[in-house]
C-alpha atoms as a PDB file:
ATOM      1  CA  MET A   1      25.611  65.709  15.998  1.00  0.00           C
ATOM      2  CA  VAL A   2      26.132  62.369  14.096  1.00  0.00           C
ATOM      3  CA  MET A   3      29.478  61.930  12.433  1.00  0.00           C
ATOM      4  CA  PRO A   4      29.245  61.422   8.629  1.00  0.00           C
ATOM      5  CA  GLY A   5      31.288  58.199   8.767  1.00  0.00           C
ATOM      6  CA  VAL A   6      29.010  56.668  11.371  1.00  0.00           C
ATOM      7  CA  SER A   7      25.929  57.583   9.342  1.00  0.00           C
ATOM      8  CA  GLN A   8      27.287  55.937   6.190  1.00  0.00           C
ATOM      9  CA  LYS A   9      28.186  52.775   8.110  1.00  0.00           C
ATOM     10  CA  LEU A  10      24.673  52.591   9.566  1.00  0.00           C
ATOM     11  CA  VAL A  11      23.130  53.011   6.112  1.00  0.00           C
ATOM     12  CA  LYS A  12      25.291  50.181   4.750  1.00  0.00           C
ATOM     13  CA  ILE A  13      24.230  47.913   7.604  1.00  0.00           C
ATOM     14  CA  LEU A  14      20.568  48.699   7.045  1.00  0.00           C
ATOM     15  CA  VAL A  15      20.924  48.088   3.305  1.00  0.00           C
ATOM     16  CA  LEU A  16      22.577  44.705   3.951  1.00  0.00           C
ATOM     17  CA  ILE A  17      19.804  43.757   6.392  1.00  0.00           C
ATOM     18  CA  PHE A  18      17.163  44.756   3.845  1.00  0.00           C
ATOM     19  CA  ILE A  19      18.839  42.732   1.095  1.00  0.00           C
ATOM     20  CA  SER A  20      19.078  39.706   3.399  1.00  0.00           C
ATOM     21  CA  ILE A  21      15.370  39.955   4.209  1.00  0.00           C
ATOM     22  CA  LEU A  22      14.535  40.124   0.488  1.00  0.00           C
ATOM     23  CA  LEU A  23      16.724  37.099  -0.281  1.00  0.00           C
ATOM     24  CA  LEU A  24      15.158  35.072   2.538  1.00  0.00           C
ATOM     25  CA  ALA A  25      11.671  36.011   1.368  1.00  0.00           C
ATOM     26  CA  ARG A  26      12.572  35.043  -2.193  1.00  0.00           C
ATOM     27  CA  GLU A  27      13.986  31.713  -1.007  1.00  0.00           C
ATOM     28  CA  GLU A  28      10.803  30.983   0.947  1.00  0.00           C
ATOM     29  CA  ILE A  29       8.687  31.777  -2.126  1.00  0.00           C
ATOM     30  CA  VAL A  30      10.846  29.497  -4.288  1.00  0.00           C
ATOM     31  CA  LEU A  31      10.724  26.650  -1.759  1.00  0.00           C
ATOM     32  CA  ALA A  32       6.958  27.040  -1.444  1.00  0.00           C
ATOM     33  CA  ASN A  33       6.720  26.244  -5.169  1.00  0.00           C
ATOM     34  CA  THR A  34       8.927  23.173  -5.047  1.00  0.00           C
ATOM     35  CA  TYR A  35       8.907  19.581  -3.878  1.00  0.00           C
ATOM     36  CA  THR A  36      11.709  17.263  -2.820  1.00  0.00           C
ATOM     37  CA  ASN A  37      11.758  13.482  -3.214  1.00  0.00           C
ATOM     38  CA  PRO A  38      10.592  11.300  -1.647  1.00  0.00           C
ATOM     39  CA  VAL A  39       7.080  12.744  -1.496  1.00  0.00           C
ATOM     40  CA  GLY A  40       4.061  12.253   0.752  1.00  0.00           C
ATOM     41  CA  ASN A  41       5.838  10.767   3.775  1.00  0.00           C
ATOM     42  CA  ILE A  42       4.665   7.385   2.518  1.00  0.00           C
ATOM     43  CA  THR A  43       6.913   4.486   3.545  1.00  0.00           C
ATOM     44  CA  ASN A  44       6.754   0.707   3.711  1.00  0.00           C
ATOM     45  CA  ILE A  45       5.126   0.477   0.300  1.00  0.00           C
ATOM     46  CA  GLY A  46       6.146  -0.629  -3.173  1.00  0.00           C
ATOM     47  CA  ASP A  47       5.006  -0.569  -6.793  1.00  0.00           C
ATOM     48  CA  PRO A  48       3.203   2.819  -6.750  1.00  0.00           C
ATOM     49  CA  PHE A  49       0.533   3.416  -9.382  1.00  0.00           C
ATOM     50  CA  VAL A  50      -1.227   6.753  -9.884  1.00  0.00           C
ATOM     51  CA  LEU A  51      -4.622   7.346 -11.500  1.00  0.00           C
ATOM     52  CA  LYS A  52      -5.532  10.901 -12.507  1.00  0.00           C
ATOM     53  CA  TYR A  53      -9.295  11.439 -12.404  1.00  0.00           C
ATOM     54  CA  ARG A  54     -11.310  14.681 -12.245  1.00  0.00           C
ATOM     55  CA  ASN A  55      -8.443  16.903 -11.103  1.00  0.00           C
ATOM     56  CA  LYS A  56      -7.387  14.528  -8.355  1.00  0.00           C
ATOM     57  CA  TYR A  57      -4.725  11.873  -8.115  1.00  0.00           C
ATOM     58  CA  TYR A  58      -5.223   8.458  -6.554  1.00  0.00           C
ATOM     59  CA  LEU A  59      -2.206   6.413  -5.518  1.00  0.00           C
ATOM     60  CA  TYR A  60      -2.345   2.651  -5.027  1.00  0.00           C
ATOM     61  CA  ALA A  61       0.595   0.521  -3.924  1.00  0.00           C
ATOM     62  CA  THR A  62       1.712  -2.740  -2.427  1.00  0.00           C
ATOM     63  CA  SER A  63       0.919  -1.638   1.099  1.00  0.00           C
ATOM     64  CA  MET A  64      -0.799  -4.352   3.158  1.00  0.00           C
ATOM     65  CA  PRO A  65       0.429  -7.568   1.510  1.00  0.00           C
ATOM     66  CA  THR A  66      -1.452  -9.829   3.912  1.00  0.00           C
ATOM     67  CA  LEU A  67      -4.798  -8.078   3.437  1.00  0.00           C
ATOM     68  CA  GLY A  68      -5.161  -5.743   0.441  1.00  0.00           C
ATOM     69  CA  PHE A  69      -4.391  -2.230  -0.713  1.00  0.00           C
ATOM     70  CA  LYS A  70      -4.501   1.281   0.696  1.00  0.00           C
ATOM     71  CA  VAL A  71      -5.261   4.358  -1.382  1.00  0.00           C
ATOM     72  CA  TRP A  72      -3.906   7.896  -1.056  1.00  0.00           C
ATOM     73  CA  VAL A  73      -5.284  11.118  -2.582  1.00  0.00           C
ATOM     74  CA  ALA A  74      -3.551  14.338  -3.715  1.00  0.00           C
ATOM     75  CA  ASP A  75      -4.239  17.431  -5.798  1.00  0.00           C
ATOM     76  CA  ASN A  76      -0.665  17.920  -6.976  1.00  0.00           C
ATOM     77  CA  LEU A  77       1.197  14.555  -6.966  1.00  0.00           C
ATOM     78  CA  VAL A  78       3.128  15.715  -3.889  1.00  0.00           C
ATOM     79  CA  ASP A  79       0.927  16.213  -0.811  1.00  0.00           C
ATOM     80  CA  TRP A  80      -0.609  12.780  -0.344  1.00  0.00           C
ATOM     81  CA  GLU A  81      -3.232  11.920   2.264  1.00  0.00           C
ATOM     82  CA  LEU A  82      -4.271   8.411   3.217  1.00  0.00           C
ATOM     83  CA  ALA A  83      -7.919   7.820   2.255  1.00  0.00           C
ATOM     84  CA  GLY A  84      -8.363   4.290   3.603  1.00  0.00           C
ATOM     85  CA  MET A  85      -8.523   0.801   2.109  1.00  0.00           C
ATOM     86  CA  ALA A  86      -9.327   0.570  -1.589  1.00  0.00           C
ATOM     87  CA  PHE A  87      -9.391  -3.230  -1.590  1.00  0.00           C
ATOM     88  CA  ASP A  88      -9.975  -5.429   1.455  1.00  0.00           C
ATOM     89  CA  SER A  89      -9.555  -9.160   0.858  1.00  0.00           C
ATOM     90  CA  ALA A  90     -11.684  -9.874   3.919  1.00  0.00           C
ATOM     91  CA  GLY A  91     -14.638  -7.991   2.440  1.00  0.00           C
ATOM     92  CA  GLU A  92     -17.741  -9.559   0.973  1.00  0.00           C
ATOM     93  CA  GLY A  93     -16.971 -10.931  -2.493  1.00  0.00           C
ATOM     94  CA  ASN A  94     -13.207 -10.659  -2.018  1.00  0.00           C
ATOM     95  CA  LYS A  95     -12.356 -13.843  -0.194  1.00  0.00           C
ATOM     96  CA  TRP A  96      -9.832 -15.012  -2.744  1.00  0.00           C
ATOM     97  CA  GLY A  97      -6.102 -14.896  -2.196  1.00  0.00           C
ATOM     98  CA  ILE A  98      -4.295 -15.920   0.979  1.00  0.00           C
ATOM     99  CA  GLY A  99      -1.529 -13.308   0.916  1.00  0.00           C
ATOM    100  CA  ASP A 100       1.144 -11.560  -1.177  1.00  0.00           C
ATOM    101  CA  PHE A 101      -1.260  -8.876  -2.373  1.00  0.00           C
ATOM    102  CA  TRP A 102       1.011  -6.990  -4.771  1.00  0.00           C
ATOM    103  CA  ALA A 103       1.151  -4.240  -7.379  1.00  0.00           C
ATOM    104  CA  PRO A 104      -2.407  -2.855  -7.713  1.00  0.00           C
ATOM    105  CA  GLU A 105      -3.218  -0.748 -10.769  1.00  0.00           C
ATOM    106  CA  VAL A 106      -6.490   1.061 -11.485  1.00  0.00           C
ATOM    107  CA  ILE A 107      -7.925   2.349 -14.755  1.00  0.00           C
ATOM    108  CA  ASN A 108     -11.093   4.270 -15.560  1.00  0.00           C
ATOM    109  CA  TYR A 109     -12.850   2.272 -18.261  1.00  0.00           C
ATOM    110  CA  ASP A 110     -16.394   2.230 -19.556  1.00  0.00           C
ATOM    111  CA  GLY A 111     -17.753   4.228 -16.607  1.00  0.00           C
ATOM    112  CA  LYS A 112     -16.188   2.078 -13.906  1.00  0.00           C
ATOM    113  CA  PHE A 113     -12.840   1.643 -12.186  1.00  0.00           C
ATOM    114  CA  TYR A 114     -10.978  -1.606 -12.698  1.00  0.00           C
ATOM    115  CA  MET A 115      -8.135  -2.829 -10.493  1.00  0.00           C
ATOM    116  CA  THR A 116      -5.624  -5.469 -11.467  1.00  0.00           C
ATOM    117  CA  TYR A 117      -3.487  -7.004  -8.751  1.00  0.00           C
ATOM    118  CA  SER A 118      -1.712 -10.238  -7.937  1.00  0.00           C
ATOM    119  CA  ALA A 119      -2.062 -12.510  -4.905  1.00  0.00           C
ATOM    120  CA  ARG A 120      -1.206 -16.029  -3.874  1.00  0.00           C
ATOM    121  CA  ASP A 121      -3.939 -18.614  -4.358  1.00  0.00           C
ATOM    122  CA  LEU A 122      -4.618 -21.627  -2.167  1.00  0.00           C
ATOM    123  CA  ASP A 123      -2.668 -23.820  -4.602  1.00  0.00           C
ATOM    124  CA  GLY A 124       0.488 -21.802  -3.904  1.00  0.00           C
ATOM    125  CA  HIS A 125       0.713 -20.008  -7.243  1.00  0.00           C
ATOM    126  CA  LEU A 126       0.725 -16.235  -7.646  1.00  0.00           C
ATOM    127  CA  LYS A 127      -2.128 -15.132  -9.898  1.00  0.00           C
ATOM    128  CA  ILE A 128      -3.568 -11.943 -11.357  1.00  0.00           C
ATOM    129  CA  ALA A 129      -7.095 -10.849 -10.460  1.00  0.00           C
ATOM    130  CA  LEU A 130      -9.525  -8.159 -11.608  1.00  0.00           C
ATOM    131  CA  ALA A 131     -11.684  -6.104  -9.216  1.00  0.00           C
ATOM    132  CA  VAL A 132     -14.181  -3.333  -9.965  1.00  0.00           C
ATOM    133  CA  SER A 133     -15.631  -0.275  -8.221  1.00  0.00           C
ATOM    134  CA  ASP A 134     -17.866   2.700  -8.983  1.00  0.00           C
ATOM    135  CA  ASP A 135     -15.418   5.008  -7.190  1.00  0.00           C
ATOM    136  CA  PRO A 136     -11.611   5.327  -7.392  1.00  0.00           C
ATOM    137  CA  LEU A 137     -11.509   5.138  -3.581  1.00  0.00           C
ATOM    138  CA  GLY A 138     -13.265   1.782  -3.683  1.00  0.00           C
ATOM    139  CA  PRO A 139     -14.376  -0.469  -2.274  1.00  0.00           C
ATOM    140  CA  PHE A 140     -13.128  -2.687  -5.091  1.00  0.00           C
ATOM    141  CA  ILE A 141     -14.866  -6.051  -5.379  1.00  0.00           C
ATOM    142  CA  ASN A 142     -13.430  -9.023  -7.234  1.00  0.00           C
ATOM    143  CA  GLN A 143     -14.956  -9.549 -10.654  1.00  0.00           C
ATOM    144  CA  GLN A 144     -12.614 -12.203 -12.023  1.00  0.00           C
ATOM    145  CA  ALA A 145     -10.293 -13.845  -9.502  1.00  0.00           C
ATOM    146  CA  PRO A 146      -8.097 -15.232 -10.838  1.00  0.00           C
ATOM    147  CA  LEU A 147      -8.179 -13.645 -14.276  1.00  0.00           C
ATOM    148  CA  PHE A 148      -6.600 -16.755 -15.833  1.00  0.00           C
ATOM    149  CA  GLU A 149      -5.105 -20.112 -14.775  1.00  0.00           C
ATOM    150  CA  ARG A 150      -1.969 -21.640 -16.295  1.00  0.00           C
ATOM    151  CA  GLY A 151      -0.381 -23.687 -13.537  1.00  0.00           C
ATOM    152  CA  LEU A 152       2.445 -21.190 -12.947  1.00  0.00           C
ATOM    153  CA  SER A 153       2.893 -17.890 -11.114  1.00  0.00           C
ATOM    154  CA  PHE A 154       2.036 -14.584 -12.819  1.00  0.00           C
ATOM    155  CA  ILE A 155       2.268 -11.064 -11.388  1.00  0.00           C
ATOM    156  CA  ASP A 156       2.167  -7.345 -12.270  1.00  0.00           C
ATOM    157  CA  GLY A 157      -0.934  -7.124 -14.459  1.00  0.00           C
ATOM    158  CA  HIS A 158      -1.094  -3.875 -16.445  1.00  0.00           C
ATOM    159  CA  ILE A 159      -4.024  -2.911 -18.679  1.00  0.00           C
ATOM    160  CA  PHE A 160      -3.365  -0.632 -21.641  1.00  0.00           C
ATOM    161  CA  ILE A 161      -6.284   0.716 -23.705  1.00  0.00           C
ATOM    162  CA  ASP A 162      -5.245   1.601 -27.250  1.00  0.00           C
ATOM    163  CA  ASP A 163      -6.644   4.563 -29.191  1.00  0.00           C
ATOM    164  CA  ASP A 164      -9.143   2.312 -30.973  1.00  0.00           C
ATOM    165  CA  GLY A 165     -10.494   1.070 -27.628  1.00  0.00           C
ATOM    166  CA  THR A 166      -8.815  -2.334 -27.713  1.00  0.00           C
ATOM    167  CA  PRO A 167      -7.617  -3.439 -24.257  1.00  0.00           C
ATOM    168  CA  TYR A 168      -4.362  -5.330 -23.745  1.00  0.00           C
ATOM    169  CA  LEU A 169      -2.972  -7.014 -20.654  1.00  0.00           C
ATOM    170  CA  TYR A 170       0.762  -6.983 -19.958  1.00  0.00           C
ATOM    171  CA  TYR A 171       1.951  -9.312 -17.211  1.00  0.00           C
ATOM    172  CA  SER A 172       5.044 -11.087 -15.895  1.00  0.00           C
ATOM    173  CA  LYS A 173       5.586 -14.814 -15.759  1.00  0.00           C
ATOM    174  CA  ASP A 174       7.264 -14.850 -12.364  1.00  0.00           C
ATOM    175  CA  CYS A 175      10.798 -16.153 -11.957  1.00  0.00           C
ATOM    176  CA  SER A 176       9.844 -18.052  -8.807  1.00  0.00           C
ATOM    177  CA  GLU A 177       8.444 -20.790 -11.065  1.00  0.00           C
ATOM    178  CA  ASN A 178       9.522 -19.827 -14.590  1.00  0.00           C
ATOM    179  CA  ILE A 179      12.755 -21.793 -15.072  1.00  0.00           C
ATOM    180  CA  ILE A 180      14.563 -21.612 -18.423  1.00  0.00           C
ATOM    181  CA  ASP A 181      17.778 -23.591 -18.961  1.00  0.00           C
ATOM    182  CA  GLY A 182      18.120 -23.935 -15.210  1.00  0.00           C
ATOM    183  CA  LYS A 183      17.719 -20.194 -14.518  1.00  0.00           C
ATOM    184  CA  HIS A 184      14.837 -18.438 -12.796  1.00  0.00           C
ATOM    185  CA  ILE A 185      13.683 -15.768 -15.249  1.00  0.00           C
ATOM    186  CA  SER A 186      10.781 -13.291 -15.190  1.00  0.00           C
ATOM    187  CA  GLN A 187       9.417 -12.465 -18.650  1.00  0.00           C
ATOM    188  CA  ILE A 188       6.794  -9.928 -19.690  1.00  0.00           C
ATOM    189  CA  PHE A 189       3.977 -11.128 -21.954  1.00  0.00           C
ATOM    190  CA  VAL A 190       1.112  -9.306 -23.653  1.00  0.00           C
ATOM    191  CA  GLN A 191      -2.313 -10.479 -24.698  1.00  0.00           C
ATOM    192  CA  GLU A 192      -5.460  -8.847 -26.031  1.00  0.00           C
ATOM    193  CA  MET A 193      -8.358  -8.730 -23.560  1.00  0.00           C
ATOM    194  CA  SER A 194     -12.084  -9.182 -24.005  1.00  0.00           C
ATOM    195  CA  GLU A 195     -14.089  -5.964 -24.211  1.00  0.00           C
ATOM    196  CA  ASP A 196     -15.386  -6.414 -20.644  1.00  0.00           C
ATOM    197  CA  LEU A 197     -11.816  -7.103 -19.404  1.00  0.00           C
ATOM    198  CA  THR A 198     -12.794 -10.404 -17.784  1.00  0.00           C
ATOM    199  CA  GLY A 199     -10.939 -12.660 -20.226  1.00  0.00           C
ATOM    200  CA  LEU A 200      -7.965 -12.916 -22.565  1.00  0.00           C
ATOM    201  CA  LYS A 201      -8.014 -13.444 -26.332  1.00  0.00           C
ATOM    202  CA  GLY A 202      -5.559 -15.114 -28.658  1.00  0.00           C
ATOM    203  CA  GLU A 203      -2.147 -16.390 -27.701  1.00  0.00           C
ATOM    204  CA  ALA A 204       0.236 -14.912 -25.158  1.00  0.00           C
ATOM    205  CA  VAL A 205       3.036 -13.002 -26.906  1.00  0.00           C
ATOM    206  CA  LEU A 206       6.462 -12.594 -25.335  1.00  0.00           C
ATOM    207  CA  ALA A 207       7.182  -8.865 -25.143  1.00  0.00           C
ATOM    208  CA  VAL A 208      10.516  -8.571 -23.314  1.00  0.00           C
ATOM    209  CA  GLU A 209      12.820 -10.722 -21.213  1.00  0.00           C
ATOM    210  CA  PRO A 210      16.241 -10.135 -19.623  1.00  0.00           C
ATOM    211  CA  SER A 211      18.649  -9.576 -22.509  1.00  0.00           C
ATOM    212  CA  GLN A 212      20.895  -6.617 -21.695  1.00  0.00           C
ATOM    213  CA  SER A 213      24.034  -6.707 -19.542  1.00  0.00           C
ATOM    214  CA  TRP A 214      22.616  -4.381 -16.835  1.00  0.00           C
ATOM    215  CA  GLU A 215      19.812  -6.897 -16.270  1.00  0.00           C
ATOM    216  CA  GLY A 216      22.168  -9.490 -14.764  1.00  0.00           C
ATOM    217  CA  ILE A 217      21.808 -11.959 -17.633  1.00  0.00           C
ATOM    218  CA  SER A 218      24.630 -14.122 -16.268  1.00  0.00           C
ATOM    219  CA  GLU A 219      22.866 -14.562 -12.919  1.00  0.00           C
ATOM    220  CA  GLN A 220      20.725 -17.488 -11.802  1.00  0.00           C
ATOM    221  CA  TRP A 221      17.788 -15.182 -11.035  1.00  0.00           C
ATOM    222  CA  GLN A 222      16.737 -12.541 -13.580  1.00  0.00           C
ATOM    223  CA  TRP A 223      13.826 -10.129 -13.778  1.00  0.00           C
ATOM    224  CA  ASN A 224      11.816  -8.132 -16.314  1.00  0.00           C
ATOM    225  CA  GLU A 225       8.654  -7.029 -14.492  1.00  0.00           C
ATOM    226  CA  GLY A 226       6.370  -4.114 -13.645  1.00  0.00           C
ATOM    227  CA  ALA A 227       5.284  -3.248 -17.192  1.00  0.00           C
ATOM    228  CA  PHE A 228       3.790   0.155 -17.962  1.00  0.00           C
ATOM    229  CA  VAL A 229       2.845   1.131 -21.522  1.00  0.00           C
ATOM    230  CA  LEU A 230       2.244   4.579 -22.987  1.00  0.00           C
ATOM    231  CA  LYS A 231       1.805   5.773 -26.555  1.00  0.00           C
ATOM    232  CA  TYR A 232       3.483   8.920 -27.859  1.00  0.00           C
ATOM    233  CA  GLN A 233       3.371  10.203 -31.442  1.00  0.00           C
ATOM    234  CA  GLY A 234       2.347   6.823 -32.806  1.00  0.00           C
ATOM    235  CA  LEU A 235       5.021   4.816 -30.998  1.00  0.00           C
ATOM    236  CA  TYR A 236       4.413   2.479 -28.061  1.00  0.00           C
ATOM    237  CA  TYR A 237       6.781   2.602 -25.085  1.00  0.00           C
ATOM    238  CA  LEU A 238       6.917  -0.336 -22.683  1.00  0.00           C
ATOM    239  CA  MET A 239       8.635   0.643 -19.438  1.00  0.00           C
ATOM    240  CA  TYR A 240       9.786  -2.174 -17.152  1.00  0.00           C
ATOM    241  CA  SER A 241      11.991  -2.886 -14.148  1.00  0.00           C
ATOM    242  CA  ALA A 242      14.925  -5.278 -13.948  1.00  0.00           C
ATOM    243  CA  ASN A 243      16.970  -6.891 -11.170  1.00  0.00           C
ATOM    244  CA  PHE A 244      15.816  -7.789  -7.658  1.00  0.00           C
ATOM    245  CA  TYR A 245      13.405  -5.287  -6.118  1.00  0.00           C
ATOM    246  CA  ALA A 246      15.248  -5.279  -2.777  1.00  0.00           C
ATOM    247  CA  SER A 247      18.651  -4.531  -4.304  1.00  0.00           C
ATOM    248  CA  ALA A 248      20.223  -1.157  -5.113  1.00  0.00           C
ATOM    249  CA  GLU A 249      20.507  -2.311  -8.757  1.00  0.00           C
ATOM    250  CA  TYR A 250      16.742  -2.374  -9.283  1.00  0.00           C
ATOM    251  CA  SER A 251      16.329  -0.016 -12.273  1.00  0.00           C
ATOM    252  CA  ILE A 252      14.032   1.020 -15.126  1.00  0.00           C
ATOM    253  CA  GLY A 253      14.425   0.480 -18.854  1.00  0.00           C
ATOM    254  CA  TYR A 254      12.104   0.597 -21.823  1.00  0.00           C
ATOM    255  CA  ALA A 255      11.380  -0.930 -25.222  1.00  0.00           C
ATOM    256  CA  THR A 256       9.461   0.411 -28.231  1.00  0.00           C
ATOM    257  CA  ALA A 257       7.109  -1.038 -30.823  1.00  0.00           C
ATOM    258  CA  THR A 258       4.712   0.086 -33.530  1.00  0.00           C
ATOM    259  CA  HIS A 259       1.933  -2.210 -32.241  1.00  0.00           C
ATOM    260  CA  PRO A 260       0.835  -3.152 -28.704  1.00  0.00           C
ATOM    261  CA  LEU A 261       1.676  -6.797 -29.411  1.00  0.00           C
ATOM    262  CA  GLY A 262       5.160  -5.891 -30.633  1.00  0.00           C
ATOM    263  CA  PRO A 263       7.727  -6.897 -31.664  1.00  0.00           C
ATOM    264  CA  TRP A 264       9.477  -4.830 -28.995  1.00  0.00           C
ATOM    265  CA  THR A 265      12.992  -3.419 -29.259  1.00  0.00           C
ATOM    266  CA  LYS A 266      14.838  -2.453 -26.108  1.00  0.00           C
ATOM    267  CA  TYR A 267      16.488   0.978 -25.950  1.00  0.00           C
ATOM    268  CA  GLU A 268      20.265   0.607 -26.199  1.00  0.00           C
ATOM    269  CA  GLY A 269      20.777   3.328 -23.572  1.00  0.00           C
ATOM    270  CA  ASN A 270      18.969   1.403 -20.805  1.00  0.00           C
ATOM    271  CA  PRO A 271      18.604   1.792 -17.899  1.00  0.00           C
ATOM    272  CA  ILE A 272      17.030   5.245 -18.002  1.00  0.00           C
ATOM    273  CA  LEU A 273      16.585   5.435 -14.213  1.00  0.00           C
ATOM    274  CA  LYS A 274      19.044   3.804 -11.811  1.00  0.00           C
ATOM    275  CA  GLN A 275      20.635   4.100  -8.382  1.00  0.00           C
ATOM    276  CA  ASP A 276      22.535   7.196  -7.335  1.00  0.00           C
ATOM    277  CA  LEU A 277      23.896   6.398  -3.901  1.00  0.00           C
ATOM    278  CA  TRP A 278      25.692   9.746  -3.705  1.00  0.00           C
ATOM    279  CA  GLN A 279      22.218  11.291  -3.551  1.00  0.00           C
ATOM    280  CA  GLY A 280      20.849   8.534  -1.365  1.00  0.00           C
ATOM    281  CA  VAL A 281      18.848   6.874  -4.154  1.00  0.00           C
ATOM    282  CA  SER A 282      18.696   3.079  -4.122  1.00  0.00           C
ATOM    283  CA  GLY A 283      16.622   0.776  -6.300  1.00  0.00           C
ATOM    284  CA  PRO A 284      14.398   3.162  -8.305  1.00  0.00           C
ATOM    285  CA  GLY A 285      11.780   1.041 -10.041  1.00  0.00           C
ATOM    286  CA  HIS A 286       8.284  -0.280 -10.715  1.00  0.00           C
ATOM    287  CA  ASN A 287       6.788   2.862 -12.164  1.00  0.00           C
ATOM    288  CA  SER A 288       3.643   4.386 -13.565  1.00  0.00           C
ATOM    289  CA  VAL A 289       3.276   7.579 -15.619  1.00  0.00           C
ATOM    290  CA  THR A 290       0.754  10.379 -15.279  1.00  0.00           C
ATOM    291  CA  LEU A 291       0.230  14.012 -16.292  1.00  0.00           C
ATOM    292  CA  SER A 292       0.607  17.271 -14.372  1.00  0.00           C
ATOM    293  CA  PRO A 293      -2.576  19.042 -13.162  1.00  0.00           C
ATOM    294  CA  ASP A 294      -2.699  21.159 -16.351  1.00  0.00           C
ATOM    295  CA  TYR A 295      -1.829  18.166 -18.590  1.00  0.00           C
ATOM    296  CA  SER A 296       1.315  19.880 -19.934  1.00  0.00           C
ATOM    297  CA  GLU A 297       3.965  17.651 -18.326  1.00  0.00           C
ATOM    298  CA  PHE A 298       4.574  13.915 -17.962  1.00  0.00           C
ATOM    299  CA  PHE A 299       5.576  12.608 -14.544  1.00  0.00           C
ATOM    300  CA  ILE A 300       6.968   9.220 -13.650  1.00  0.00           C
ATOM    301  CA  VAL A 301       5.935   7.812 -10.262  1.00  0.00           C
ATOM    302  CA  TYR A 302       8.282   5.186  -8.816  1.00  0.00           C
ATOM    303  CA  HIS A 303       9.604   3.755  -5.604  1.00  0.00           C
ATOM    304  CA  THR A 304      13.056   3.869  -4.000  1.00  0.00           C
ATOM    305  CA  HIS A 305      14.373   2.198  -0.884  1.00  0.00           C
ATOM    306  CA  SER A 306      13.554   4.056   2.323  1.00  0.00           C
ATOM    307  CA  TYR A 307      17.002   3.184   3.674  1.00  0.00           C
ATOM    308  CA  PRO A 308      19.545   3.336   0.809  1.00  0.00           C
ATOM    309  CA  ASP A 309      22.268   1.704   2.910  1.00  0.00           C
ATOM    310  CA  LEU A 310      19.955  -1.180   3.750  1.00  0.00           C
ATOM    311  CA  PRO A 311      17.806  -1.986   0.675  1.00  0.00           C
ATOM    312  CA  SER A 312      14.680  -3.962   1.506  1.00  0.00           C
ATOM    313  CA  GLY A 313      10.960  -4.122   0.907  1.00  0.00           C
ATOM    314  CA  ASP A 314      10.547  -0.832   2.796  1.00  0.00           C
ATOM    315  CA  ARG A 315      10.177   1.678  -0.025  1.00  0.00           C
ATOM    316  CA  THR A 316       8.856   5.171  -0.566  1.00  0.00           C
ATOM    317  CA  VAL A 317       7.235   7.268  -3.323  1.00  0.00           C
ATOM    318  CA  ASN A 318       9.071   9.518  -5.789  1.00  0.00           C
ATOM    319  CA  ILE A 319       8.031  11.620  -8.780  1.00  0.00           C
ATOM    320  CA  ASP A 320      10.158  13.144 -11.530  1.00  0.00           C
ATOM    321  CA  ARG A 321       9.637  14.700 -14.920  1.00  0.00           C
ATOM    322  CA  LEU A 322       9.521  12.431 -17.952  1.00  0.00           C
ATOM    323  CA  TYR A 323       9.936  13.745 -21.485  1.00  0.00           C
ATOM    324  CA  PHE A 324      10.646  12.718 -25.065  1.00  0.00           C
ATOM    325  CA  GLU A 325      13.558  13.942 -27.149  1.00  0.00           C
ATOM    326  CA  ASP A 326      13.785  12.822 -30.773  1.00  0.00           C
ATOM    327  CA  GLY A 327      11.708   9.762 -29.928  1.00  0.00           C
ATOM    328  CA  ILE A 328      13.878   8.838 -26.935  1.00  0.00           C
ATOM    329  CA  LEU A 329      12.152   8.579 -23.563  1.00  0.00           C
ATOM    330  CA  LYS A 330      14.088  10.444 -20.882  1.00  0.00           C
ATOM    331  CA  ILE A 331      13.723  11.137 -17.157  1.00  0.00           C
ATOM    332  CA  LYS A 332      14.981  14.163 -15.286  1.00  0.00           C
ATOM    333  CA  GLY A 333      16.065  12.156 -12.297  1.00  0.00           C
ATOM    334  CA  PRO A 334      16.381  10.544  -9.913  1.00  0.00           C
ATOM    335  CA  THR A 335      16.290  13.809  -7.980  1.00  0.00           C
ATOM    336  CA  ARG A 336      16.816  14.674  -4.343  1.00  0.00           C
ATOM    337  CA  SER A 337      17.121  18.447  -4.745  1.00  0.00           C
ATOM    338  CA  PRO A 338      14.112  20.827  -4.773  1.00  0.00           C
ATOM    339  CA  GLN A 339      12.129  20.638  -8.037  1.00  0.00           C
ATOM    340  CA  LEU A 340       9.349  22.875  -9.323  1.00  0.00           C
ATOM    341  CA  LEU A 341       5.892  21.602  -8.462  1.00  0.00           C
ATOM    342  CA  PRO A 342       4.029  19.920 -11.326  1.00  0.00           C
ATOM    343  CA  SER A 343       2.673  22.541 -13.712  1.00  0.00           C
ATOM    344  CA  GLY A 344      -0.796  23.746 -12.761  1.00  0.00           C
ATOM    345  CA  SER A 345      -0.445  22.855  -9.068  1.00  0.00           C
ATOM    346  CA  LYS A 346      -2.415  25.084  -6.723  1.00  0.00           C
END
């Protein structure tokens, strides 16, 4: 005969075990539908750029600065797989540039894929080049290298195609050679491009330059670089990075305009993405923006330092949600806690 008290105690234990199993199962289900930054186990890169094409994502980055650029592929912006070399400077037709292969970006335009990147020429200057491919995986072959010559160093070419089909190139005059009043200053310029993207039209227009206190405007070296432009409800948003890329203070701000050529006005609340060392986030910067698999959410793709306590050129890939609130561009981040997978992920 089982005593009533013993029976009740056993029932309570079984109930608690059952509840624990349910909670663990629920937690596993929740975690299975989340991601945590950084994503993809991709390190020793910088300047990540993502192209969304036919339900797949292609990620290009500063990855082999002495040779060219790798490419990664994912279905959900999270689970990246290396797919090989997108651009090999040793390949036929690509023997331009002796090193410092930086910041590749790829767009789908007029039935082909166009890559902008910067590299150091034989004359010692950094220059922007244009390469083309029939496939987002490459191989990309130089079409115009360099894209233009001005006797100074230029980096971070970004092509924006407006709604009317007009292409524009945003680029940085690099602070290594751009000296203003004795200070080394990187400035972002914009210029209309030819329809085939191989040339520039009109005069270069200054878009933004270091001008806000968080951008170290009292320092001898100052940066505005890594432009990325998107249009939302008739307004143009120019995202950029400021401060030294290998410092914890590397951060993201933005400016707005009613025309791709400007004039541009910086957001007074900059920076919109900055270090959070309590979470282990150092130097978030040089971003691109893409859409979730079902096109319902914006995501910013950016790099942070792989070792927050020792900022360097070793960086890794992060994604976070980007949204607009009363015309203000905002980012839910930087995050290090589990976040829901991009909407529409399988």
